[in-house]
Amino acid sequence: MKGNRRLEAVFIKPKVPFSSVTLFIGIALVAFCVYGAIINGGTTTGVTVGAVFGALITAASVFALCLNRKAFLTIEDKHITAKYHWFGKIDCDTSEIEFVMSQINTLIILLKDGTRHIITGISNADRLCVDLQEKVRFETRDNPETIAKELAIAKTTRRKQLICVITSIVATFIILILTIILTNGKDLPYFTTKDWILFWAMVIVIIFPFAVTFWAANNAGRMMLDINHLQYRLRRSIIETAYLPPRKIRAVLTDKDFMGRIIIYEDHNSEIVIISEEINNRMELERVFISEPLDEENYEMIIKDNFQYTINITDKYN
């Protein structure tokens, strides 16, 4: 996007007929289970499970119908405004953005004050990400080795949290199985006093692993953005501190994720040469292609066909 041209997000609208059908099914299932409980003079495990399942279908349908119903996101000049999901809002300059990335129909924005915005349901998330990357002011403050150490620590911490999640889930299932065995698998209406004591003891005991599971899962999920940010910083630092050939550089381009760079320079015959480099699995910048010398016409054609969504980072080397 050049100049002050306005760019807007294209939100994917939910398929209302499908969500409406599932909403009707969820409400009908809950009503049927409640009616069955009234007729039978009490609830059973099957009725309870059916009612819970119906409530989940109803909640998911309402979620699908209402999510991003009045959402918008606009980038104009160096300012971004957005309203998304139910209460999500953005109104800031691009200078306040620390990091931005896109995944499948999702735009993720991390502000310098630590605020995170994860906006789902955007069909042109990649295009918005490229535009924001061009506007974000990023200074390579640390060398690649320092960032690599931070990344290793973050990955180790997240791995421990995932182990904690798995352990807590296993502990939860063990407690549930023990409770079923100790109560002989009876339905709630047939519980004896001893069974109720065991049941409520299980509820109290299970709160701890249940809470630990959600706490560790939430932290692990939040750390994924931190890890993506560190990986981005590492790739960007590698690219922006890498050696350039001693030629007359026309431009240095990269993609929105800084997975590599394109170097365009003039040789001693004033012809144009294009070099493509990519970051390999060892986090090293590796040359993968070098073109034959090109005249101006062929150069313009290649640029137009292949590099329209790249980010120009030539000024980083001045």
C-alpha atoms as a PDB file:
ATOM      1  CA  MET A   1       0.000   0.000   0.000  1.00  0.00           C
ATOM      2  CA  LYS A   2       1.469   3.302  -1.029  1.00  0.00           C
ATOM      3  CA  GLY A   3       0.860   6.755   0.315  1.00  0.00           C
ATOM      4  CA  ASN A   4      -2.275   7.218   2.359  1.00  0.00           C
ATOM      5  CA  ARG A   5      -4.323   4.528   0.602  1.00  0.00           C
ATOM      6  CA  ARG A   6      -6.858   2.872   2.852  1.00  0.00           C
ATOM      7  CA  LEU A   7      -6.766  -0.875   3.447  1.00  0.00           C
ATOM      8  CA  GLU A   8      -9.585  -2.779   5.126  1.00  0.00           C
ATOM      9  CA  ALA A   9      -9.944  -6.282   6.495  1.00  0.00           C
ATOM     10  CA  VAL A  10     -12.342  -8.646   4.770  1.00  0.00           C
ATOM     11  CA  PHE A  11     -14.096 -10.598   7.516  1.00  0.00           C
ATOM     12  CA  ILE A  12     -15.501 -14.030   6.771  1.00  0.00           C
ATOM     13  CA  LYS A  13     -19.197 -14.037   7.562  1.00  0.00           C
ATOM     14  CA  PRO A  14     -20.594 -17.165   9.287  1.00  0.00           C
ATOM     15  CA  LYS A  15     -22.976 -19.363   7.371  1.00  0.00           C
ATOM     16  CA  VAL A  16     -26.184 -18.306   9.093  1.00  0.00           C
ATOM     17  CA  PRO A  17     -28.383 -21.226   7.882  1.00  0.00           C
ATOM     18  CA  PHE A  18     -25.975 -23.867   9.268  1.00  0.00           C
ATOM     19  CA  SER A  19     -25.545 -22.048  12.605  1.00  0.00           C
ATOM     20  CA  SER A  20     -29.305 -21.565  12.860  1.00  0.00           C
ATOM     21  CA  VAL A  21     -29.901 -25.284  12.327  1.00  0.00           C
ATOM     22  CA  THR A  22     -27.355 -26.262  14.980  1.00  0.00           C
ATOM     23  CA  LEU A  23     -28.880 -23.690  17.356  1.00  0.00           C
ATOM     24  CA  PHE A  24     -32.294 -25.293  16.887  1.00  0.00           C
ATOM     25  CA  ILE A  25     -30.822 -28.787  17.420  1.00  0.00           C
ATOM     26  CA  GLY A  26     -29.052 -27.688  20.622  1.00  0.00           C
ATOM     27  CA  ILE A  27     -32.172 -26.065  22.117  1.00  0.00           C
ATOM     28  CA  ALA A  28     -34.340 -29.045  21.105  1.00  0.00           C
ATOM     29  CA  LEU A  29     -31.915 -31.501  22.705  1.00  0.00           C
ATOM     30  CA  VAL A  30     -31.867 -29.573  25.985  1.00  0.00           C
ATOM     31  CA  ALA A  31     -35.682 -29.331  25.992  1.00  0.00           C
ATOM     32  CA  PHE A  32     -36.034 -33.052  25.255  1.00  0.00           C
ATOM     33  CA  CYS A  33     -33.693 -33.966  28.134  1.00  0.00           C
ATOM     34  CA  VAL A  34     -35.520 -31.668  30.566  1.00  0.00           C
ATOM     35  CA  TYR A  35     -38.859 -33.154  29.471  1.00  0.00           C
ATOM     36  CA  GLY A  36     -37.479 -36.687  29.945  1.00  0.00           C
ATOM     37  CA  ALA A  37     -36.279 -35.835  33.450  1.00  0.00           C
ATOM     38  CA  ILE A  38     -39.724 -34.464  34.375  1.00  0.00           C
ATOM     39  CA  ILE A  39     -41.576 -37.495  32.969  1.00  0.00           C
ATOM     40  CA  ASN A  40     -39.248 -40.001  34.650  1.00  0.00           C
ATOM     41  CA  GLY A  41     -39.316 -38.155  37.949  1.00  0.00           C
ATOM     42  CA  GLY A  42     -35.554 -37.626  37.999  1.00  0.00           C
ATOM     43  CA  THR A  43     -32.398 -37.426  35.960  1.00  0.00           C
ATOM     44  CA  THR A  44     -30.092 -40.157  34.723  1.00  0.00           C
ATOM     45  CA  THR A  45     -26.532 -40.093  33.459  1.00  0.00           C
ATOM     46  CA  GLY A  46     -27.754 -40.268  29.860  1.00  0.00           C
ATOM     47  CA  VAL A  47     -30.169 -37.365  30.334  1.00  0.00           C
ATOM     48  CA  THR A  48     -27.487 -35.269  32.050  1.00  0.00           C
ATOM     49  CA  VAL A  49     -24.932 -35.939  29.298  1.00  0.00           C
ATOM     50  CA  GLY A  50     -27.544 -35.147  26.626  1.00  0.00           C
ATOM     51  CA  ALA A  51     -28.494 -31.866  28.301  1.00  0.00           C
ATOM     52  CA  VAL A  52     -24.834 -30.814  28.620  1.00  0.00           C
ATOM     53  CA  PHE A  53     -24.157 -31.763  25.002  1.00  0.00           C
ATOM     54  CA  GLY A  54     -27.209 -29.776  23.868  1.00  0.00           C
ATOM     55  CA  ALA A  55     -26.103 -26.761  25.902  1.00  0.00           C
ATOM     56  CA  LEU A  56     -22.642 -26.925  24.291  1.00  0.00           C
ATOM     57  CA  ILE A  57     -24.164 -27.076  20.790  1.00  0.00           C
ATOM     58  CA  THR A  58     -26.395 -24.098  21.629  1.00  0.00           C
ATOM     59  CA  ALA A  59     -23.470 -22.068  22.997  1.00  0.00           C
ATOM     60  CA  ALA A  60     -21.282 -22.887  19.970  1.00  0.00           C
ATOM     61  CA  SER A  61     -24.080 -21.880  17.582  1.00  0.00           C
ATOM     62  CA  VAL A  62     -24.628 -18.544  19.326  1.00  0.00           C
ATOM     63  CA  PHE A  63     -20.849 -18.012  19.259  1.00  0.00           C
ATOM     64  CA  ALA A  64     -20.729 -18.643  15.479  1.00  0.00           C
ATOM     65  CA  LEU A  65     -23.718 -16.382  14.800  1.00  0.00           C
ATOM     66  CA  CYS A  66     -22.435 -13.426  16.840  1.00  0.00           C
ATOM     67  CA  LEU A  67     -18.663 -13.593  16.318  1.00  0.00           C
ATOM     68  CA  ASN A  68     -17.390 -10.654  14.250  1.00  0.00           C
ATOM     69  CA  ARG A  69     -20.974  -9.658  13.378  1.00  0.00           C
ATOM     70  CA  LYS A  70     -20.084  -5.943  13.299  1.00  0.00           C
ATOM     71  CA  ALA A  71     -16.323  -6.301  13.026  1.00  0.00           C
ATOM     72  CA  PHE A  72     -14.047  -4.020  11.018  1.00  0.00           C
ATOM     73  CA  LEU A  73     -10.332  -3.291  10.720  1.00  0.00           C
ATOM     74  CA  THR A  74      -8.908  -0.334   8.834  1.00  0.00           C
ATOM     75  CA  ILE A  75      -5.316   0.682   8.135  1.00  0.00           C
ATOM     76  CA  GLU A  76      -4.949   4.238   6.899  1.00  0.00           C
ATOM     77  CA  ASP A  77      -1.636   6.035   6.633  1.00  0.00           C
ATOM     78  CA  LYS A  78       0.123   5.040   9.897  1.00  0.00           C
ATOM     79  CA  HIS A  79      -2.970   4.401  12.002  1.00  0.00           C
ATOM     80  CA  ILE A  80      -4.993   1.264  12.652  1.00  0.00           C
ATOM     81  CA  THR A  81      -8.534   1.057  14.028  1.00  0.00           C
ATOM     82  CA  ALA A  82     -10.525  -2.108  14.618  1.00  0.00           C
ATOM     83  CA  LYS A  83     -13.481  -3.626  16.393  1.00  0.00           C
ATOM     84  CA  TYR A  84     -13.606  -7.403  16.531  1.00  0.00           C
ATOM     85  CA  HIS A  85     -15.217 -10.348  18.315  1.00  0.00           C
ATOM     86  CA  TRP A  86     -17.418  -8.981  21.123  1.00  0.00           C
ATOM     87  CA  PHE A  87     -15.309  -6.442  22.992  1.00  0.00           C
ATOM     88  CA  GLY A  88     -11.986  -6.304  21.112  1.00  0.00           C
ATOM     89  CA  LYS A  89     -10.875  -2.840  19.997  1.00  0.00           C
ATOM     90  CA  ILE A  90      -7.735  -1.297  18.489  1.00  0.00           C
ATOM     91  CA  ASP A  91      -7.090   2.401  17.981  1.00  0.00           C
ATOM     92  CA  CYS A  92      -3.393   3.194  17.751  1.00  0.00           C
ATOM     93  CA  ASP A  93      -0.548   4.298  15.505  1.00  0.00           C
ATOM     94  CA  THR A  94       1.569   1.654  13.805  1.00  0.00           C
ATOM     95  CA  SER A  95       4.538   2.984  15.810  1.00  0.00           C
ATOM     96  CA  GLU A  96       2.920   1.347  18.869  1.00  0.00           C
ATOM     97  CA  ILE A  97       3.085  -2.121  17.275  1.00  0.00           C
ATOM     98  CA  GLU A  98       5.915  -4.396  18.385  1.00  0.00           C
ATOM     99  CA  PHE A  99       5.129  -7.458  16.280  1.00  0.00           C
ATOM    100  CA  VAL A 100       2.528  -8.628  13.777  1.00  0.00           C
ATOM    101  CA  MET A 101       2.014 -12.019  12.168  1.00  0.00           C
ATOM    102  CA  SER A 102      -0.674 -13.830  10.199  1.00  0.00           C
ATOM    103  CA  GLN A 103      -1.848 -17.412  10.249  1.00  0.00           C
ATOM    104  CA  ILE A 104      -4.822 -19.079   8.566  1.00  0.00           C
ATOM    105  CA  ASN A 105      -7.454 -16.290   8.376  1.00  0.00           C
ATOM    106  CA  THR A 106      -5.998 -14.807  11.581  1.00  0.00           C
ATOM    107  CA  LEU A 107      -4.108 -11.575  12.252  1.00  0.00           C
ATOM    108  CA  ILE A 108      -2.052 -11.394  15.464  1.00  0.00           C
ATOM    109  CA  ILE A 109      -0.842  -8.024  16.727  1.00  0.00           C
ATOM    110  CA  LEU A 110       1.425  -7.486  19.732  1.00  0.00           C
ATOM    111  CA  LEU A 111       1.714  -3.899  20.979  1.00  0.00           C
ATOM    112  CA  LYS A 112       4.778  -2.488  22.698  1.00  0.00           C
ATOM    113  CA  ASP A 113       2.841  -2.210  25.979  1.00  0.00           C
ATOM    114  CA  GLY A 114       2.290  -5.993  25.943  1.00  0.00           C
ATOM    115  CA  THR A 115      -1.351  -5.927  24.750  1.00  0.00           C
ATOM    116  CA  ARG A 116      -2.200  -8.813  22.435  1.00  0.00           C
ATOM    117  CA  HIS A 117      -4.870  -8.772  19.725  1.00  0.00           C
ATOM    118  CA  ILE A 118      -5.749 -12.093  18.061  1.00  0.00           C
ATOM    119  CA  ILE A 119      -8.312 -11.355  15.335  1.00  0.00           C
ATOM    120  CA  THR A 120      -9.829 -14.379  13.617  1.00  0.00           C
ATOM    121  CA  GLY A 121     -11.972 -14.713  10.511  1.00  0.00           C
ATOM    122  CA  ILE A 122     -10.010 -12.363   8.201  1.00  0.00           C
ATOM    123  CA  SER A 123      -9.685 -13.667   4.639  1.00  0.00           C
ATOM    124  CA  ASN A 124      -6.961 -11.156   3.668  1.00  0.00           C
ATOM    125  CA  ALA A 125      -4.907 -11.487   6.868  1.00  0.00           C
ATOM    126  CA  ASP A 126      -1.649 -12.064   4.928  1.00  0.00           C
ATOM    127  CA  ARG A 127      -2.088  -8.857   2.892  1.00  0.00           C
ATOM    128  CA  LEU A 128      -2.782  -6.822   6.055  1.00  0.00           C
ATOM    129  CA  CYS A 129       0.245  -8.361   7.743  1.00  0.00           C
ATOM    130  CA  VAL A 130       2.546  -7.337   4.879  1.00  0.00           C
ATOM    131  CA  ASP A 131       1.210  -3.786   4.967  1.00  0.00           C
ATOM    132  CA  LEU A 132       1.688  -3.487   8.743  1.00  0.00           C
ATOM    133  CA  GLN A 133       5.165  -4.995   8.568  1.00  0.00           C
ATOM    134  CA  GLU A 134       6.175  -2.229   6.171  1.00  0.00           C
ATOM    135  CA  LYS A 135       4.984   0.403   8.645  1.00  0.00           C
ATOM    136  CA  VAL A 136       6.288  -1.094  11.905  1.00  0.00           C
ATOM    137  CA  ARG A 137       9.479   0.548  13.094  1.00  0.00           C
ATOM    138  CA  PHE A 138      11.825  -2.227  14.149  1.00  0.00           C
ATOM    139  CA  GLU A 139      15.390  -1.688  15.284  1.00  0.00           C
ATOM    140  CA  THR A 140      17.773  -4.641  15.424  1.00  0.00           C
ATOM    141  CA  ARG A 141      18.852  -4.120  19.033  1.00  0.00           C
ATOM    142  CA  ASP A 142      20.315  -7.579  19.762  1.00  0.00           C
ATOM    143  CA  ASN A 143      22.626  -9.823  17.795  1.00  0.00           C
ATOM    144  CA  PRO A 144      21.341 -13.222  16.599  1.00  0.00           C
ATOM    145  CA  GLU A 145      23.230 -15.149  19.305  1.00  0.00           C
ATOM    146  CA  THR A 146      21.499 -13.243  22.132  1.00  0.00           C
ATOM    147  CA  ILE A 147      18.046 -13.743  20.629  1.00  0.00           C
ATOM    148  CA  ALA A 148      18.768 -17.442  20.006  1.00  0.00           C
ATOM    149  CA  LYS A 149      19.495 -17.904  23.735  1.00  0.00           C
ATOM    150  CA  GLU A 150      16.222 -16.179  24.681  1.00  0.00           C
ATOM    151  CA  LEU A 151      14.383 -18.423  22.229  1.00  0.00           C
ATOM    152  CA  ALA A 152      15.912 -21.589  23.696  1.00  0.00           C
ATOM    153  CA  ILE A 153      14.847 -20.557  27.216  1.00  0.00           C
ATOM    154  CA  ALA A 154      11.300 -19.767  26.057  1.00  0.00           C
ATOM    155  CA  LYS A 155      10.965 -23.138  24.289  1.00  0.00           C
ATOM    156  CA  THR A 156      12.190 -24.992  27.388  1.00  0.00           C
ATOM    157  CA  THR A 157       9.701 -23.128  29.599  1.00  0.00           C
ATOM    158  CA  ARG A 158       6.802 -23.904  27.253  1.00  0.00           C
ATOM    159  CA  ARG A 159       7.811 -27.574  27.070  1.00  0.00           C
ATOM    160  CA  LYS A 160       7.632 -27.794  30.874  1.00  0.00           C
ATOM    161  CA  GLN A 161       4.187 -26.192  30.851  1.00  0.00           C
ATOM    162  CA  LEU A 162       2.922 -28.689  28.270  1.00  0.00           C
ATOM    163  CA  ILE A 163       4.237 -31.556  30.419  1.00  0.00           C
ATOM    164  CA  CYS A 164       2.328 -30.014  33.339  1.00  0.00           C
ATOM    165  CA  VAL A 165      -0.863 -29.920  31.210  1.00  0.00           C
ATOM    166  CA  ILE A 166      -0.552 -33.592  30.222  1.00  0.00           C
ATOM    167  CA  THR A 167       0.212 -34.674  33.804  1.00  0.00           C
ATOM    168  CA  SER A 168      -2.795 -32.756  35.164  1.00  0.00           C
ATOM    169  CA  ILE A 169      -5.135 -34.237  32.524  1.00  0.00           C
ATOM    170  CA  VAL A 170      -3.948 -37.768  33.345  1.00  0.00           C
ATOM    171  CA  ALA A 171      -4.413 -37.103  37.078  1.00  0.00           C
ATOM    172  CA  THR A 172      -7.955 -35.824  36.423  1.00  0.00           C
ATOM    173  CA  PHE A 173      -8.931 -38.963  34.505  1.00  0.00           C
ATOM    174  CA  ILE A 174      -7.413 -41.233  37.167  1.00  0.00           C
ATOM    175  CA  ILE A 175      -9.513 -39.508  39.859  1.00  0.00           C
ATOM    176  CA  LEU A 176     -12.673 -39.844  37.726  1.00  0.00           C
ATOM    177  CA  ILE A 177     -12.038 -43.539  37.059  1.00  0.00           C
ATOM    178  CA  LEU A 178     -11.370 -44.218  40.752  1.00  0.00           C
ATOM    179  CA  THR A 179     -14.622 -42.466  41.673  1.00  0.00           C
ATOM    180  CA  ILE A 180     -16.612 -44.562  39.172  1.00  0.00           C
ATOM    181  CA  ILE A 181     -15.010 -47.760  40.490  1.00  0.00           C
ATOM    182  CA  LEU A 182     -15.591 -46.865  44.158  1.00  0.00           C
ATOM    183  CA  THR A 183     -19.271 -45.974  43.529  1.00  0.00           C
ATOM    184  CA  ASN A 184     -19.748 -49.115  41.414  1.00  0.00           C
ATOM    185  CA  GLY A 185     -20.744 -46.987  38.413  1.00  0.00           C
ATOM    186  CA  LYS A 186     -24.147 -46.098  39.828  1.00  0.00           C
ATOM    187  CA  ASP A 187     -26.287 -43.232  38.533  1.00  0.00           C
ATOM    188  CA  LEU A 188     -26.683 -40.202  40.813  1.00  0.00           C
ATOM    189  CA  PRO A 189     -30.294 -41.015  41.931  1.00  0.00           C
ATOM    190  CA  TYR A 190     -29.055 -44.350  43.346  1.00  0.00           C
ATOM    191  CA  PHE A 191     -26.118 -42.952  45.328  1.00  0.00           C
ATOM    192  CA  THR A 192     -25.860 -43.955  48.984  1.00  0.00           C
ATOM    193  CA  THR A 193     -24.525 -41.614  51.653  1.00  0.00           C
ATOM    194  CA  LYS A 194     -21.099 -43.212  51.241  1.00  0.00           C
ATOM    195  CA  ASP A 195     -21.263 -42.677  47.455  1.00  0.00           C
ATOM    196  CA  TRP A 196     -22.133 -38.988  47.890  1.00  0.00           C
ATOM    197  CA  ILE A 197     -19.211 -38.533  50.264  1.00  0.00           C
ATOM    198  CA  LEU A 198     -16.884 -40.118  47.702  1.00  0.00           C
ATOM    199  CA  PHE A 199     -18.420 -38.012  44.917  1.00  0.00           C
ATOM    200  CA  TRP A 200     -17.977 -34.669  46.712  1.00  0.00           C
ATOM    201  CA  ALA A 201     -14.493 -35.661  47.852  1.00  0.00           C
ATOM    202  CA  MET A 202     -13.675 -36.304  44.174  1.00  0.00           C
ATOM    203  CA  VAL A 203     -15.090 -32.892  43.191  1.00  0.00           C
ATOM    204  CA  ILE A 204     -12.927 -31.152  45.805  1.00  0.00           C
ATOM    205  CA  VAL A 205      -9.785 -33.126  44.927  1.00  0.00           C
ATOM    206  CA  ILE A 206     -10.232 -32.738  41.169  1.00  0.00           C
ATOM    207  CA  ILE A 207     -10.363 -28.931  41.388  1.00  0.00           C
ATOM    208  CA  PHE A 208      -6.573 -28.727  41.807  1.00  0.00           C
ATOM    209  CA  PRO A 209      -5.458 -30.696  38.682  1.00  0.00           C
ATOM    210  CA  PHE A 210      -8.334 -29.083  36.736  1.00  0.00           C
ATOM    211  CA  ALA A 211      -7.142 -25.588  37.692  1.00  0.00           C
ATOM    212  CA  VAL A 212      -3.508 -26.488  36.995  1.00  0.00           C
ATOM    213  CA  THR A 213      -4.484 -27.776  33.532  1.00  0.00           C
ATOM    214  CA  PHE A 214      -6.155 -24.502  32.557  1.00  0.00           C
ATOM    215  CA  TRP A 215      -3.402 -22.368  34.084  1.00  0.00           C
ATOM    216  CA  ALA A 216      -0.585 -24.245  32.339  1.00  0.00           C
ATOM    217  CA  ALA A 217      -2.515 -24.488  29.039  1.00  0.00           C
ATOM    218  CA  ASN A 218      -3.221 -20.750  29.094  1.00  0.00           C
ATOM    219  CA  ASN A 219       0.436 -19.933  29.792  1.00  0.00           C
ATOM    220  CA  ALA A 220       1.627 -22.346  27.092  1.00  0.00           C
ATOM    221  CA  GLY A 221      -0.767 -20.769  24.600  1.00  0.00           C
ATOM    222  CA  ARG A 222       0.350 -17.252  25.469  1.00  0.00           C
ATOM    223  CA  MET A 223       4.002 -18.288  25.257  1.00  0.00           C
ATOM    224  CA  MET A 224       3.486 -19.485  21.689  1.00  0.00           C
ATOM    225  CA  LEU A 225       3.108 -15.860  20.593  1.00  0.00           C
ATOM    226  CA  ASP A 226       6.269 -14.950  22.530  1.00  0.00           C
ATOM    227  CA  ILE A 227       8.127 -17.787  20.805  1.00  0.00           C
ATOM    228  CA  ASN A 228       6.834 -16.718  17.383  1.00  0.00           C
ATOM    229  CA  HIS A 229       7.939 -13.178  18.193  1.00  0.00           C
ATOM    230  CA  LEU A 230      11.442 -14.355  19.189  1.00  0.00           C
ATOM    231  CA  GLN A 231      11.713 -16.518  16.058  1.00  0.00           C
ATOM    232  CA  TYR A 232      10.694 -13.521  13.961  1.00  0.00           C
ATOM    233  CA  ARG A 233      13.227 -11.274  15.742  1.00  0.00           C
ATOM    234  CA  LEU A 234      15.933 -13.894  15.225  1.00  0.00           C
ATOM    235  CA  ARG A 235      15.238 -14.259  11.501  1.00  0.00           C
ATOM    236  CA  ARG A 236      15.005 -10.501  11.068  1.00  0.00           C
ATOM    237  CA  SER A 237      18.241  -9.943  12.986  1.00  0.00           C
ATOM    238  CA  ILE A 238      20.038 -12.568  10.861  1.00  0.00           C
ATOM    239  CA  ILE A 239      18.840 -10.957   7.636  1.00  0.00           C
ATOM    240  CA  GLU A 240      19.486  -7.350   8.641  1.00  0.00           C
ATOM    241  CA  THR A 241      22.991  -8.018   9.965  1.00  0.00           C
ATOM    242  CA  ALA A 242      24.076 -10.327   7.119  1.00  0.00           C
ATOM    243  CA  TYR A 243      26.803  -9.392   4.673  1.00  0.00           C
ATOM    244  CA  LEU A 244      25.841  -7.699   1.381  1.00  0.00           C
ATOM    245  CA  PRO A 245      27.912  -8.116  -1.797  1.00  0.00           C
ATOM    246  CA  PRO A 246      30.119  -5.071  -2.541  1.00  0.00           C
ATOM    247  CA  ARG A 247      28.029  -3.953  -5.482  1.00  0.00           C
ATOM    248  CA  LYS A 248      25.682  -1.101  -6.294  1.00  0.00           C
ATOM    249  CA  ILE A 249      22.618  -2.310  -4.402  1.00  0.00           C
ATOM    250  CA  ARG A 250      19.283  -1.423  -5.970  1.00  0.00           C
ATOM    251  CA  ALA A 251      17.061  -3.039  -3.355  1.00  0.00           C
ATOM    252  CA  VAL A 252      16.896  -5.628  -0.601  1.00  0.00           C
ATOM    253  CA  LEU A 253      13.488  -7.297  -0.243  1.00  0.00           C
ATOM    254  CA  THR A 254      12.030  -9.827   2.169  1.00  0.00           C
ATOM    255  CA  ASP A 255       8.729 -11.571   2.864  1.00  0.00           C
ATOM    256  CA  LYS A 256       6.377 -10.768   5.758  1.00  0.00           C
ATOM    257  CA  ASP A 257       7.871 -13.549   7.934  1.00  0.00           C
ATOM    258  CA  PHE A 258      11.523 -12.741   7.161  1.00  0.00           C
ATOM    259  CA  MET A 259      12.208 -16.272   5.922  1.00  0.00           C
ATOM    260  CA  GLY A 260      14.804 -14.989   3.446  1.00  0.00           C
ATOM    261  CA  ARG A 261      15.827 -12.011   1.348  1.00  0.00           C
ATOM    262  CA  ILE A 262      16.159 -10.919  -2.269  1.00  0.00           C
ATOM    263  CA  ILE A 263      19.219  -8.844  -3.167  1.00  0.00           C
ATOM    264  CA  ILE A 264      19.050  -6.814  -6.373  1.00  0.00           C
ATOM    265  CA  TYR A 265      22.250  -5.161  -7.572  1.00  0.00           C
ATOM    266  CA  GLU A 266      23.979  -3.838 -10.690  1.00  0.00           C
ATOM    267  CA  ASP A 267      27.110  -5.589 -11.945  1.00  0.00           C
ATOM    268  CA  HIS A 268      30.108  -3.945 -13.584  1.00  0.00           C
ATOM    269  CA  ASN A 269      28.241  -3.866 -16.928  1.00  0.00           C
ATOM    270  CA  SER A 270      25.305  -2.029 -15.327  1.00  0.00           C
ATOM    271  CA  GLU A 271      23.166  -5.131 -15.811  1.00  0.00           C
ATOM    272  CA  ILE A 272      20.892  -6.296 -13.021  1.00  0.00           C
ATOM    273  CA  VAL A 273      21.455  -9.450 -10.960  1.00  0.00           C
ATOM    274  CA  ILE A 274      18.979 -10.983  -8.502  1.00  0.00           C
ATOM    275  CA  ILE A 275      20.158 -13.146  -5.597  1.00  0.00           C
ATOM    276  CA  SER A 276      17.724 -15.189  -3.498  1.00  0.00           C
ATOM    277  CA  GLU A 277      18.728 -16.290   0.021  1.00  0.00           C
ATOM    278  CA  GLU A 278      16.748 -18.332   2.566  1.00  0.00           C
ATOM    279  CA  ILE A 279      17.207 -19.104   6.259  1.00  0.00           C
ATOM    280  CA  ASN A 280      17.834 -22.844   6.621  1.00  0.00           C
ATOM    281  CA  ASN A 281      17.112 -25.191   9.544  1.00  0.00           C
ATOM    282  CA  ARG A 282      20.423 -24.199  11.170  1.00  0.00           C
ATOM    283  CA  MET A 283      19.209 -20.579  11.190  1.00  0.00           C
ATOM    284  CA  GLU A 284      21.835 -19.583   8.632  1.00  0.00           C
ATOM    285  CA  LEU A 285      21.263 -17.453   5.547  1.00  0.00           C
ATOM    286  CA  GLU A 286      21.864 -19.686   2.538  1.00  0.00           C
ATOM    287  CA  ARG A 287      22.016 -18.676  -1.140  1.00  0.00           C
ATOM    288  CA  VAL A 288      19.510 -20.666  -3.203  1.00  0.00           C
ATOM    289  CA  PHE A 289      19.446 -18.792  -6.508  1.00  0.00           C
ATOM    290  CA  ILE A 290      21.378 -16.235  -8.548  1.00  0.00           C
ATOM    291  CA  SER A 291      20.018 -14.954 -11.834  1.00  0.00           C
ATOM    292  CA  GLU A 292      21.765 -14.331 -15.097  1.00  0.00           C
ATOM    293  CA  PRO A 293      22.417 -10.621 -15.765  1.00  0.00           C
ATOM    294  CA  LEU A 294      19.138  -8.953 -16.756  1.00  0.00           C
ATOM    295  CA  ASP A 295      18.357  -5.901 -18.798  1.00  0.00           C
ATOM    296  CA  GLU A 296      15.947  -3.282 -17.460  1.00  0.00           C
ATOM    297  CA  GLU A 297      12.901  -4.653 -19.303  1.00  0.00           C
ATOM    298  CA  ASN A 298      13.282  -8.236 -18.032  1.00  0.00           C
ATOM    299  CA  TYR A 299      14.036  -6.955 -14.553  1.00  0.00           C
ATOM    300  CA  GLU A 300      10.826  -4.915 -14.407  1.00  0.00           C
ATOM    301  CA  MET A 301       8.820  -7.920 -15.613  1.00  0.00           C
ATOM    302  CA  ILE A 302      10.271 -10.212 -12.913  1.00  0.00           C
ATOM    303  CA  ILE A 303       9.654  -7.656 -10.180  1.00  0.00           C
ATOM    304  CA  LYS A 304       6.047  -7.144 -11.271  1.00  0.00           C
ATOM    305  CA  ASP A 305       5.280 -10.880 -11.462  1.00  0.00           C
ATOM    306  CA  ASN A 306       7.093 -12.146  -8.358  1.00  0.00           C
ATOM    307  CA  PHE A 307       7.769  -9.468  -5.758  1.00  0.00           C
ATOM    308  CA  GLN A 308       4.596  -7.389  -5.417  1.00  0.00           C
ATOM    309  CA  TYR A 309       3.947  -8.445  -1.795  1.00  0.00           C
ATOM    310  CA  THR A 310       7.511  -8.180  -0.489  1.00  0.00           C
ATOM    311  CA  ILE A 311       8.817  -5.676   2.057  1.00  0.00           C
ATOM    312  CA  ASN A 312      11.588  -3.289   1.056  1.00  0.00           C
ATOM    313  CA  ILE A 313      14.299  -3.211   3.765  1.00  0.00           C
ATOM    314  CA  THR A 314      17.038  -1.502   1.767  1.00  0.00           C
ATOM    315  CA  ASP A 315      17.260   1.380   4.259  1.00  0.00           C
ATOM    316  CA  LYS A 316      18.298  -1.076   7.004  1.00  0.00           C
ATOM    317  CA  TYR A 317      21.681  -1.454   5.335  1.00  0.00           C
ATOM    318  CA  ASN A 318      22.469   2.242   4.914  1.00  0.00           C
END
